[in-house]
Amino acid sequence: MLAEHYTRVGPILTTTVETVRFEPPHSVYFRLVRGPVPLVLERFELHEAGGGTTLEYTGRLGTDLWGLGRWWGARVGARWEAAVQGSLDAVQAEAERASRLRSQR
């Protein structure tokens, strides 16, 4: 699957295109095809734990162009981490809401 999204980094609006690969029932992988840096790899893994489920996230961002690339990567990385954290927070809130509804029934 191919996914495209836009991210604002300061005054610049960047376009990101990623491949998305699902390995049911527990893994989702993302790989950058086109974006503001040359390399992004992400993995989301679900694990059974104590009658529930945990979500493990790992990600790697790579840059080029030496010092300039490190500077740009730090800016892109900060936005990337904030976006991932926002998504994880939303997933957690929805999972907790669904759990409360189930326990009320």
PDB file of N, CA and C in Angstrom:
ATOM      1  N   MET A   1       0.848  -1.154   0.000  1.00  0.00           N
ATOM      2  CA  MET A   1       0.000   0.000   0.000  1.00  0.00           C
ATOM      3  C   MET A   1       0.908   1.234   0.000  1.00  0.00           C
ATOM      4  N   LEU A   2       0.480   2.287  -0.649  1.00  0.00           N
ATOM      5  CA  LEU A   2       1.219   3.544  -0.707  1.00  0.00           C
ATOM      6  C   LEU A   2       0.397   4.637  -0.030  1.00  0.00           C
ATOM      7  N   ALA A   3       1.045   5.441   0.820  1.00  0.00           N
ATOM      8  CA  ALA A   3       0.346   6.506   1.542  1.00  0.00           C
ATOM      9  C   ALA A   3       1.084   7.821   1.331  1.00  0.00           C
ATOM     10  N   GLU A   4       0.329   8.906   1.153  1.00  0.00           N
ATOM     11  CA  GLU A   4       0.908  10.236   0.983  1.00  0.00           C
ATOM     12  C   GLU A   4       0.322  11.162   2.037  1.00  0.00           C
ATOM     13  N   HIS A   5       1.185  11.991   2.639  1.00  0.00           N
ATOM     14  CA  HIS A   5       0.694  13.002   3.580  1.00  0.00           C
ATOM     15  C   HIS A   5       1.620  14.204   3.550  1.00  0.00           C
ATOM     16  N   TYR A   6       1.165  15.285   4.154  1.00  0.00           N
ATOM     17  CA  TYR A   6       1.882  16.560   4.133  1.00  0.00           C
ATOM     18  C   TYR A   6       2.208  16.983   5.553  1.00  0.00           C
ATOM     19  N   THR A   7       3.404  17.525   5.736  1.00  0.00           N
ATOM     20  CA  THR A   7       3.849  17.966   7.051  1.00  0.00           C
ATOM     21  C   THR A   7       4.490  19.335   6.918  1.00  0.00           C
ATOM     22  N   ARG A   8       4.100  20.247   7.780  1.00  0.00           N
ATOM     23  CA  ARG A   8       4.724  21.569   7.786  1.00  0.00           C
ATOM     24  C   ARG A   8       5.939  21.533   8.705  1.00  0.00           C
ATOM     25  N   VAL A   9       7.080  21.933   8.164  1.00  0.00           N
ATOM     26  CA  VAL A   9       8.324  22.066   8.931  1.00  0.00           C
ATOM     27  C   VAL A   9       8.738  23.523   8.790  1.00  0.00           C
ATOM     28  N   GLY A  10       8.393  24.336   9.807  1.00  0.00           N
ATOM     29  CA  GLY A  10       8.618  25.778   9.700  1.00  0.00           C
ATOM     30  C   GLY A  10       7.763  26.320   8.568  1.00  0.00           C
ATOM     31  N   PRO A  11       8.356  27.114   7.677  1.00  0.00           N
ATOM     32  CA  PRO A  11       7.581  27.690   6.572  1.00  0.00           C
ATOM     33  C   PRO A  11       7.422  26.743   5.381  1.00  0.00           C
ATOM     34  N   ILE A  12       8.020  25.560   5.457  1.00  0.00           N
ATOM     35  CA  ILE A  12       8.036  24.637   4.321  1.00  0.00           C
ATOM     36  C   ILE A  12       6.997  23.533   4.528  1.00  0.00           C
ATOM     37  N   LEU A  13       6.169  23.301   3.500  1.00  0.00           N
ATOM     38  CA  LEU A  13       5.223  22.197   3.512  1.00  0.00           C
ATOM     39  C   LEU A  13       5.865  21.047   2.743  1.00  0.00           C
ATOM     40  N   THR A  14       6.140  19.944   3.425  1.00  0.00           N
ATOM     41  CA  THR A  14       6.802  18.808   2.785  1.00  0.00           C
ATOM     42  C   THR A  14       5.785  17.736   2.436  1.00  0.00           C
ATOM     43  N   THR A  15       6.038  17.028   1.346  1.00  0.00           N
ATOM     44  CA  THR A  15       5.217  15.900   0.928  1.00  0.00           C
ATOM     45  C   THR A  15       5.969  14.626   1.266  1.00  0.00           C
ATOM     46  N   THR A  16       5.288  13.710   1.895  1.00  0.00           N
ATOM     47  CA  THR A  16       5.881  12.429   2.254  1.00  0.00           C
ATOM     48  C   THR A  16       5.067  11.319   1.610  1.00  0.00           C
ATOM     49  N   VAL A  17       5.776  10.389   0.960  1.00  0.00           N
ATOM     50  CA  VAL A  17       5.148   9.203   0.387  1.00  0.00           C
ATOM     51  C   VAL A  17       5.827   8.000   1.034  1.00  0.00           C
ATOM     52  N   GLU A  18       5.014   7.091   1.561  1.00  0.00           N
ATOM     53  CA  GLU A  18       5.536   5.918   2.246  1.00  0.00           C
ATOM     54  C   GLU A  18       4.852   4.649   1.755  1.00  0.00           C
ATOM     55  N   THR A  19       5.596   3.551   1.786  1.00  0.00           N
ATOM     56  CA  THR A  19       4.949   2.255   1.620  1.00  0.00           C
ATOM     57  C   THR A  19       4.487   1.806   3.005  1.00  0.00           C
ATOM     58  N   VAL A  20       3.369   1.123   3.036  1.00  0.00           N
ATOM     59  CA  VAL A  20       2.821   0.586   4.278  1.00  0.00           C
ATOM     60  C   VAL A  20       2.621  -0.909   4.049  1.00  0.00           C
ATOM     61  N   ARG A  21       3.194  -1.706   4.933  1.00  0.00           N
ATOM     62  CA  ARG A  21       3.081  -3.162   4.822  1.00  0.00           C
ATOM     63  C   ARG A  21       2.499  -3.706   6.115  1.00  0.00           C
ATOM     64  N   PHE A  22       1.437  -4.485   5.991  1.00  0.00           N
ATOM     65  CA  PHE A  22       0.779  -5.103   7.133  1.00  0.00           C
ATOM     66  C   PHE A  22       1.173  -6.574   7.197  1.00  0.00           C
ATOM     67  N   GLU A  23       1.510  -7.045   8.394  1.00  0.00           N
ATOM     68  CA  GLU A  23       1.744  -8.464   8.636  1.00  0.00           C
ATOM     69  C   GLU A  23       0.830  -8.891   9.785  1.00  0.00           C
ATOM     70  N   PRO A  24      -0.436  -9.199   9.439  1.00  0.00           N
ATOM     71  CA  PRO A  24      -1.390  -9.569  10.474  1.00  0.00           C
ATOM     72  C   PRO A  24      -0.893 -10.781  11.261  1.00  0.00           C
ATOM     73  N   PRO A  25      -1.204 -10.862  12.516  1.00  0.00           N
ATOM     74  CA  PRO A  25      -2.094  -9.967  13.241  1.00  0.00           C
ATOM     75  C   PRO A  25      -1.361  -8.907  14.048  1.00  0.00           C
ATOM     76  N   HIS A  26      -0.026  -8.779  13.920  1.00  0.00           N
ATOM     77  CA  HIS A  26       0.659  -7.957  14.908  1.00  0.00           C
ATOM     78  C   HIS A  26       1.610  -6.880  14.386  1.00  0.00           C
ATOM     79  N   SER A  27       1.867  -6.752  13.091  1.00  0.00           N
ATOM     80  CA  SER A  27       2.906  -5.816  12.651  1.00  0.00           C
ATOM     81  C   SER A  27       2.444  -4.897  11.528  1.00  0.00           C
ATOM     82  N   VAL A  28       2.918  -3.641  11.596  1.00  0.00           N
ATOM     83  CA  VAL A  28       2.732  -2.678  10.519  1.00  0.00           C
ATOM     84  C   VAL A  28       4.081  -2.002  10.305  1.00  0.00           C
ATOM     85  N   TYR A  29       4.533  -1.951   9.040  1.00  0.00           N
ATOM     86  CA  TYR A  29       5.816  -1.357   8.697  1.00  0.00           C
ATOM     87  C   TYR A  29       5.609  -0.195   7.725  1.00  0.00           C
ATOM     88  N   PHE A  30       6.381   0.869   7.921  1.00  0.00           N
ATOM     89  CA  PHE A  30       6.373   2.018   7.014  1.00  0.00           C
ATOM     90  C   PHE A  30       7.799   2.226   6.510  1.00  0.00           C
ATOM     91  N   ARG A  31       7.912   2.543   5.216  1.00  0.00           N
ATOM     92  CA  ARG A  31       9.215   2.857   4.626  1.00  0.00           C
ATOM     93  C   ARG A  31       9.051   4.065   3.726  1.00  0.00           C
ATOM     94  N   LEU A  32       9.910   5.061   3.931  1.00  0.00           N
ATOM     95  CA  LEU A  32       9.845   6.291   3.146  1.00  0.00           C
ATOM     96  C   LEU A  32      10.209   6.026   1.688  1.00  0.00           C
ATOM     97  N   VAL A  33       9.391   6.548   0.771  1.00  0.00           N
ATOM     98  CA  VAL A  33       9.673   6.500  -0.655  1.00  0.00           C
ATOM     99  C   VAL A  33      10.141   7.886  -1.122  1.00  0.00           C
ATOM    100  N   ARG A  34       9.432   8.916  -0.650  1.00  0.00           N
ATOM    101  CA  ARG A  34       9.789  10.299  -0.986  1.00  0.00           C
ATOM    102  C   ARG A  34       9.442  11.172   0.200  1.00  0.00           C
ATOM    103  N   GLY A  35      10.365  12.048   0.575  1.00  0.00           N
ATOM    104  CA  GLY A  35      10.073  12.905   1.705  1.00  0.00           C
ATOM    105  C   GLY A  35      11.181  13.883   1.992  1.00  0.00           C
ATOM    106  N   PRO A  36      11.098  14.533   3.136  1.00  0.00           N
ATOM    107  CA  PRO A  36      12.028  15.607   3.466  1.00  0.00           C
ATOM    108  C   PRO A  36      13.411  15.124   3.904  1.00  0.00           C
ATOM    109  N   VAL A  37      13.586  13.817   4.105  1.00  0.00           N
ATOM    110  CA  VAL A  37      14.878  13.214   4.441  1.00  0.00           C
ATOM    111  C   VAL A  37      15.031  11.946   3.603  1.00  0.00           C
ATOM    112  N   PRO A  38      16.254  11.439   3.458  1.00  0.00           N
ATOM    113  CA  PRO A  38      16.437  10.273   2.594  1.00  0.00           C
ATOM    114  C   PRO A  38      16.007   8.922   3.188  1.00  0.00           C
ATOM    115  N   LEU A  39      15.855   8.828   4.501  1.00  0.00           N
ATOM    116  CA  LEU A  39      15.549   7.528   5.089  1.00  0.00           C
ATOM    117  C   LEU A  39      14.630   7.671   6.292  1.00  0.00           C
ATOM    118  N   VAL A  40      13.521   6.948   6.253  1.00  0.00           N
ATOM    119  CA  VAL A  40      12.662   6.769   7.428  1.00  0.00           C
ATOM    120  C   VAL A  40      12.136   5.337   7.370  1.00  0.00           C
ATOM    121  N   LEU A  41      12.346   4.611   8.455  1.00  0.00           N
ATOM    122  CA  LEU A  41      11.804   3.265   8.631  1.00  0.00           C
ATOM    123  C   LEU A  41      11.054   3.255   9.954  1.00  0.00           C
ATOM    124  N   GLU A  42       9.848   2.688   9.952  1.00  0.00           N
ATOM    125  CA  GLU A  42       9.051   2.619  11.185  1.00  0.00           C
ATOM    126  C   GLU A  42       8.430   1.238  11.304  1.00  0.00           C
ATOM    127  N   ARG A  43       8.232   0.816  12.548  1.00  0.00           N
ATOM    128  CA  ARG A  43       7.588  -0.469  12.813  1.00  0.00           C
ATOM    129  C   ARG A  43       6.692  -0.320  14.040  1.00  0.00           C
ATOM    130  N   PHE A  44       5.479  -0.824  13.927  1.00  0.00           N
ATOM    131  CA  PHE A  44       4.544  -0.910  15.037  1.00  0.00           C
ATOM    132  C   PHE A  44       4.267  -2.393  15.266  1.00  0.00           C
ATOM    133  N   GLU A  45       4.466  -2.859  16.504  1.00  0.00           N
ATOM    134  CA  GLU A  45       4.261  -4.263  16.846  1.00  0.00           C
ATOM    135  C   GLU A  45       3.287  -4.358  18.020  1.00  0.00           C
ATOM    136  N   LEU A  46       2.307  -5.238  17.916  1.00  0.00           N
ATOM    137  CA  LEU A  46       1.385  -5.518  19.009  1.00  0.00           C
ATOM    138  C   LEU A  46       1.831  -6.801  19.703  1.00  0.00           C
ATOM    139  N   HIS A  47       1.805  -6.794  21.043  1.00  0.00           N
ATOM    140  CA  HIS A  47       2.206  -7.950  21.836  1.00  0.00           C
ATOM    141  C   HIS A  47       1.155  -8.212  22.914  1.00  0.00           C
ATOM    142  N   GLU A  48       0.836  -9.486  23.138  1.00  0.00           N
ATOM    143  CA  GLU A  48      -0.046  -9.849  24.243  1.00  0.00           C
ATOM    144  C   GLU A  48       0.723  -9.678  25.545  1.00  0.00           C
ATOM    145  N   ALA A  49       0.057  -9.111  26.545  1.00  0.00           N
ATOM    146  CA  ALA A  49       0.721  -8.881  27.833  1.00  0.00           C
ATOM    147  C   ALA A  49      -0.305  -8.834  28.944  1.00  0.00           C
ATOM    148  N   GLY A  50      -0.269  -9.805  29.822  1.00  0.00           N
ATOM    149  CA  GLY A  50      -1.114  -9.787  31.015  1.00  0.00           C
ATOM    150  C   GLY A  50      -2.581  -9.595  30.752  1.00  0.00           C
ATOM    151  N   GLY A  51      -3.139 -10.277  29.783  1.00  0.00           N
ATOM    152  CA  GLY A  51      -4.559 -10.153  29.488  1.00  0.00           C
ATOM    153  C   GLY A  51      -4.894  -8.936  28.636  1.00  0.00           C
ATOM    154  N   GLY A  52      -3.905  -8.196  28.216  1.00  0.00           N
ATOM    155  CA  GLY A  52      -4.115  -7.021  27.367  1.00  0.00           C
ATOM    156  C   GLY A  52      -3.152  -7.031  26.196  1.00  0.00           C
ATOM    157  N   THR A  53      -2.949  -5.878  25.633  1.00  0.00           N
ATOM    158  CA  THR A  53      -2.071  -5.735  24.485  1.00  0.00           C
ATOM    159  C   THR A  53      -1.167  -4.526  24.687  1.00  0.00           C
ATOM    160  N   THR A  54       0.107  -4.678  24.344  1.00  0.00           N
ATOM    161  CA  THR A  54       1.028  -3.541  24.342  1.00  0.00           C
ATOM    162  C   THR A  54       1.401  -3.224  22.905  1.00  0.00           C
ATOM    163  N   LEU A  55       1.717  -1.971  22.666  1.00  0.00           N
ATOM    164  CA  LEU A  55       2.131  -1.504  21.347  1.00  0.00           C
ATOM    165  C   LEU A  55       3.576  -1.037  21.447  1.00  0.00           C
ATOM    166  N   GLU A  56       4.440  -1.621  20.631  1.00  0.00           N
ATOM    167  CA  GLU A  56       5.847  -1.225  20.589  1.00  0.00           C
ATOM    168  C   GLU A  56       6.098  -0.477  19.282  1.00  0.00           C
ATOM    169  N   TYR A  57       6.725   0.685  19.377  1.00  0.00           N
ATOM    170  CA  TYR A  57       7.053   1.491  18.204  1.00  0.00           C
ATOM    171  C   TYR A  57       8.564   1.649  18.114  1.00  0.00           C
ATOM    172  N   THR A  58       9.107   1.453  16.922  1.00  0.00           N
ATOM    173  CA  THR A  58      10.505   1.780  16.663  1.00  0.00           C
ATOM    174  C   THR A  58      10.570   2.555  15.358  1.00  0.00           C
ATOM    175  N   GLY A  59      11.485   3.499  15.292  1.00  0.00           N
ATOM    176  CA  GLY A  59      11.642   4.296  14.092  1.00  0.00           C
ATOM    177  C   GLY A  59      13.084   4.722  13.902  1.00  0.00           C
ATOM    178  N   ARG A  60      13.443   4.913  12.651  1.00  0.00           N
ATOM    179  CA  ARG A  60      14.797   5.350  12.314  1.00  0.00           C
ATOM    180  C   ARG A  60      14.712   6.404  11.223  1.00  0.00           C
ATOM    181  N   LEU A  61      15.413   7.519  11.428  1.00  0.00           N
ATOM    182  CA  LEU A  61      15.455   8.613  10.467  1.00  0.00           C
ATOM    183  C   LEU A  61      16.910   8.831  10.082  1.00  0.00           C
ATOM    184  N   GLY A  62      17.196   8.850   8.789  1.00  0.00           N
ATOM    185  CA  GLY A  62      18.553   9.070   8.311  1.00  0.00           C
ATOM    186  C   GLY A  62      18.634  10.304   7.443  1.00  0.00           C
ATOM    187  N   THR A  63      19.785  10.985   7.515  1.00  0.00           N
ATOM    188  CA  THR A  63      19.987  12.206   6.729  1.00  0.00           C
ATOM    189  C   THR A  63      21.276  12.103   5.929  1.00  0.00           C
ATOM    190  N   ASP A  64      21.461  13.049   5.026  1.00  0.00           N
ATOM    191  CA  ASP A  64      22.711  13.200   4.295  1.00  0.00           C
ATOM    192  C   ASP A  64      23.111  14.675   4.350  1.00  0.00           C
ATOM    193  N   LEU A  65      24.092  15.090   3.616  1.00  0.00           N
ATOM    194  CA  LEU A  65      24.563  16.485   3.548  1.00  0.00           C
ATOM    195  C   LEU A  65      25.228  16.964   4.847  1.00  0.00           C
ATOM    196  N   TRP A  66      25.852  16.059   5.574  1.00  0.00           N
ATOM    197  CA  TRP A  66      26.676  16.364   6.742  1.00  0.00           C
ATOM    198  C   TRP A  66      25.956  17.260   7.754  1.00  0.00           C
ATOM    199  N   GLY A  67      26.568  18.377   8.130  1.00  0.00           N
ATOM    200  CA  GLY A  67      26.005  19.259   9.161  1.00  0.00           C
ATOM    201  C   GLY A  67      24.644  19.812   8.781  1.00  0.00           C
ATOM    202  N   LEU A  68      24.484  20.198   7.531  1.00  0.00           N
ATOM    203  CA  LEU A  68      23.188  20.711   7.078  1.00  0.00           C
ATOM    204  C   LEU A  68      22.116  19.625   7.202  1.00  0.00           C
ATOM    205  N   GLY A  69      22.472  18.399   6.838  1.00  0.00           N
ATOM    206  CA  GLY A  69      21.534  17.288   6.949  1.00  0.00           C
ATOM    207  C   GLY A  69      21.163  16.995   8.393  1.00  0.00           C
ATOM    208  N   ARG A  70      22.145  17.057   9.286  1.00  0.00           N
ATOM    209  CA  ARG A  70      21.845  16.842  10.714  1.00  0.00           C
ATOM    210  C   ARG A  70      20.913  17.929  11.236  1.00  0.00           C
ATOM    211  N   TRP A  71      21.160  19.181  10.826  1.00  0.00           N
ATOM    212  CA  TRP A  71      20.303  20.295  11.239  1.00  0.00           C
ATOM    213  C   TRP A  71      18.870  20.068  10.748  1.00  0.00           C
ATOM    214  N   TRP A  72      18.721  19.745   9.460  1.00  0.00           N
ATOM    215  CA  TRP A  72      17.399  19.528   8.877  1.00  0.00           C
ATOM    216  C   TRP A  72      16.738  18.300   9.503  1.00  0.00           C
ATOM    217  N   GLY A  73      17.504  17.233   9.705  1.00  0.00           N
ATOM    218  CA  GLY A  73      16.967  16.020  10.311  1.00  0.00           C
ATOM    219  C   GLY A  73      16.430  16.262  11.714  1.00  0.00           C
ATOM    220  N   ALA A  74      17.110  17.129  12.476  1.00  0.00           N
ATOM    221  CA  ALA A  74      16.625  17.452  13.822  1.00  0.00           C
ATOM    222  C   ALA A  74      15.274  18.141  13.755  1.00  0.00           C
ATOM    223  N   ARG A  75      15.075  19.016  12.789  1.00  0.00           N
ATOM    224  CA  ARG A  75      13.793  19.710  12.653  1.00  0.00           C
ATOM    225  C   ARG A  75      12.700  18.758  12.171  1.00  0.00           C
ATOM    226  N   VAL A  76      13.020  17.973  11.145  1.00  0.00           N
ATOM    227  CA  VAL A  76      12.039  17.004  10.640  1.00  0.00           C
ATOM    228  C   VAL A  76      11.736  15.974  11.720  1.00  0.00           C
ATOM    229  N   GLY A  77      12.777  15.504  12.408  1.00  0.00           N
ATOM    230  CA  GLY A  77      12.610  14.489  13.444  1.00  0.00           C
ATOM    231  C   GLY A  77      11.698  14.951  14.562  1.00  0.00           C
ATOM    232  N   ALA A  78      11.826  16.210  14.959  1.00  0.00           N
ATOM    233  CA  ALA A  78      10.964  16.737  16.027  1.00  0.00           C
ATOM    234  C   ALA A  78       9.494  16.705  15.599  1.00  0.00           C
ATOM    235  N   ARG A  79       9.213  17.099  14.363  1.00  0.00           N
ATOM    236  CA  ARG A  79       7.826  17.068  13.854  1.00  0.00           C
ATOM    237  C   ARG A  79       7.336  15.636  13.730  1.00  0.00           C
ATOM    238  N   TRP A  80       8.223  14.752  13.264  1.00  0.00           N
ATOM    239  CA  TRP A  80       7.895  13.341  13.086  1.00  0.00           C
ATOM    240  C   TRP A  80       7.544  12.718  14.432  1.00  0.00           C
ATOM    241  N   GLU A  81       8.397  12.944  15.439  1.00  0.00           N
ATOM    242  CA  GLU A  81       8.144  12.386  16.768  1.00  0.00           C
ATOM    243  C   GLU A  81       6.842  12.920  17.361  1.00  0.00           C
ATOM    244  N   ALA A  82       6.568  14.202  17.156  1.00  0.00           N
ATOM    245  CA  ALA A  82       5.318  14.781  17.663  1.00  0.00           C
ATOM    246  C   ALA A  82       4.109  14.154  16.966  1.00  0.00           C
ATOM    247  N   ALA A  83       4.205  13.923  15.665  1.00  0.00           N
ATOM    248  CA  ALA A  83       3.095  13.313  14.926  1.00  0.00           C
ATOM    249  C   ALA A  83       2.860  11.876  15.390  1.00  0.00           C
ATOM    250  N   VAL A  84       3.943  11.121  15.563  1.00  0.00           N
ATOM    251  CA  VAL A  84       3.803   9.738  16.034  1.00  0.00           C
ATOM    252  C   VAL A  84       3.200   9.723  17.432  1.00  0.00           C
ATOM    253  N   GLN A  85       3.696  10.588  18.326  1.00  0.00           N
ATOM    254  CA  GLN A  85       3.172  10.627  19.690  1.00  0.00           C
ATOM    255  C   GLN A  85       1.698  10.996  19.699  1.00  0.00           C
ATOM    256  N   GLY A  86       1.306  11.961  18.868  1.00  0.00           N
ATOM    257  CA  GLY A  86      -0.106  12.330  18.774  1.00  0.00           C
ATOM    258  C   GLY A  86      -0.966  11.166  18.313  1.00  0.00           C
ATOM    259  N   SER A  87      -0.473  10.407  17.346  1.00  0.00           N
ATOM    260  CA  SER A  87      -1.216   9.238  16.866  1.00  0.00           C
ATOM    261  C   SER A  87      -1.323   8.175  17.956  1.00  0.00           C
ATOM    262  N   LEU A  88      -0.214   7.921  18.654  1.00  0.00           N
ATOM    263  CA  LEU A  88      -0.235   6.911  19.721  1.00  0.00           C
ATOM    264  C   LEU A  88      -1.161   7.335  20.864  1.00  0.00           C
ATOM    265  N   ASP A  89      -1.158   8.625  21.188  1.00  0.00           N
ATOM    266  CA  ASP A  89      -2.059   9.128  22.229  1.00  0.00           C
ATOM    267  C   ASP A  89      -3.517   8.920  21.829  1.00  0.00           C
ATOM    268  N   ALA A  90      -3.836   9.175  20.554  1.00  0.00           N
ATOM    269  CA  ALA A  90      -5.207   8.995  20.074  1.00  0.00           C
ATOM    270  C   ALA A  90      -5.609   7.524  20.093  1.00  0.00           C
ATOM    271  N   VAL A  91      -4.691   6.637  19.716  1.00  0.00           N
ATOM    272  CA  VAL A  91      -4.974   5.197  19.744  1.00  0.00           C
ATOM    273  C   VAL A  91      -5.213   4.745  21.186  1.00  0.00           C
ATOM    274  N   GLN A  92      -4.377   5.215  22.107  1.00  0.00           N
ATOM    275  CA  GLN A  92      -4.537   4.834  23.510  1.00  0.00           C
ATOM    276  C   GLN A  92      -5.873   5.327  24.059  1.00  0.00           C
ATOM    277  N   ALA A  93      -6.226   6.575  23.767  1.00  0.00           N
ATOM    278  CA  ALA A  93      -7.487   7.126  24.263  1.00  0.00           C
ATOM    279  C   ALA A  93      -8.668   6.327  23.727  1.00  0.00           C
ATOM    280  N   GLU A  94      -8.640   5.957  22.458  1.00  0.00           N
ATOM    281  CA  GLU A  94      -9.738   5.185  21.873  1.00  0.00           C
ATOM    282  C   GLU A  94      -9.793   3.781  22.464  1.00  0.00           C
ATOM    283  N   ALA A  95      -8.635   3.153  22.662  1.00  0.00           N
ATOM    284  CA  ALA A  95      -8.610   1.807  23.251  1.00  0.00           C
ATOM    285  C   ALA A  95      -9.164   1.837  24.674  1.00  0.00           C
ATOM    286  N   GLU A  96      -8.805   2.849  25.442  1.00  0.00           N
ATOM    287  CA  GLU A  96      -9.317   2.963  26.812  1.00  0.00           C
ATOM    288  C   GLU A  96     -10.817   3.242  26.815  1.00  0.00           C
ATOM    289  N   ARG A  97     -11.284   4.063  25.888  1.00  0.00           N
ATOM    290  CA  ARG A  97     -12.721   4.347  25.778  1.00  0.00           C
ATOM    291  C   ARG A  97     -13.481   3.078  25.443  1.00  0.00           C
ATOM    292  N   ALA A  98     -12.972   2.315  24.470  1.00  0.00           N
ATOM    293  CA  ALA A  98     -13.642   1.078  24.066  1.00  0.00           C
ATOM    294  C   ALA A  98     -13.647   0.074  25.223  1.00  0.00           C
ATOM    295  N   SER A  99     -12.568   0.026  25.966  1.00  0.00           N
ATOM    296  CA  SER A  99     -12.482  -0.886  27.111  1.00  0.00           C
ATOM    297  C   SER A  99     -13.517  -0.512  28.176  1.00  0.00           C
ATOM    298  N   ARG A 100     -13.661   0.787  28.453  1.00  0.00           N
ATOM    299  CA  ARG A 100     -14.659   1.241  29.431  1.00  0.00           C
ATOM    300  C   ARG A 100     -16.072   0.853  28.976  1.00  0.00           C
ATOM    301  N   LEU A 101     -16.351   1.037  27.684  1.00  0.00           N
ATOM    302  CA  LEU A 101     -17.687   0.678  27.160  1.00  0.00           C
ATOM    303  C   LEU A 101     -17.954  -0.807  27.314  1.00  0.00           C
ATOM    304  N   ARG A 102     -16.940  -1.624  27.014  1.00  0.00           N
ATOM    305  CA  ARG A 102     -17.109  -3.075  27.155  1.00  0.00           C
ATOM    306  C   ARG A 102     -17.365  -3.462  28.601  1.00  0.00           C
ATOM    307  N   SER A 103     -16.664  -2.838  29.525  1.00  0.00           N
ATOM    308  CA  SER A 103     -16.812  -3.194  30.944  1.00  0.00           C
ATOM    309  C   SER A 103     -18.158  -2.702  31.504  1.00  0.00           C
ATOM    310  N   GLN A 104     -18.782  -1.705  30.896  1.00  0.00           N
ATOM    311  CA  GLN A 104     -20.075  -1.218  31.338  1.00  0.00           C
ATOM    312  C   GLN A 104     -21.220  -2.128  30.900  1.00  0.00           C
ATOM    313  N   ARG A 105     -20.957  -2.954  29.909  1.00  0.00           N
ATOM    314  CA  ARG A 105     -22.035  -3.826  29.387  1.00  0.00           C
ATOM    315  C   ARG A 105     -22.262  -5.011  30.241  1.00  0.00           C
TER     316      ARG A 105
END
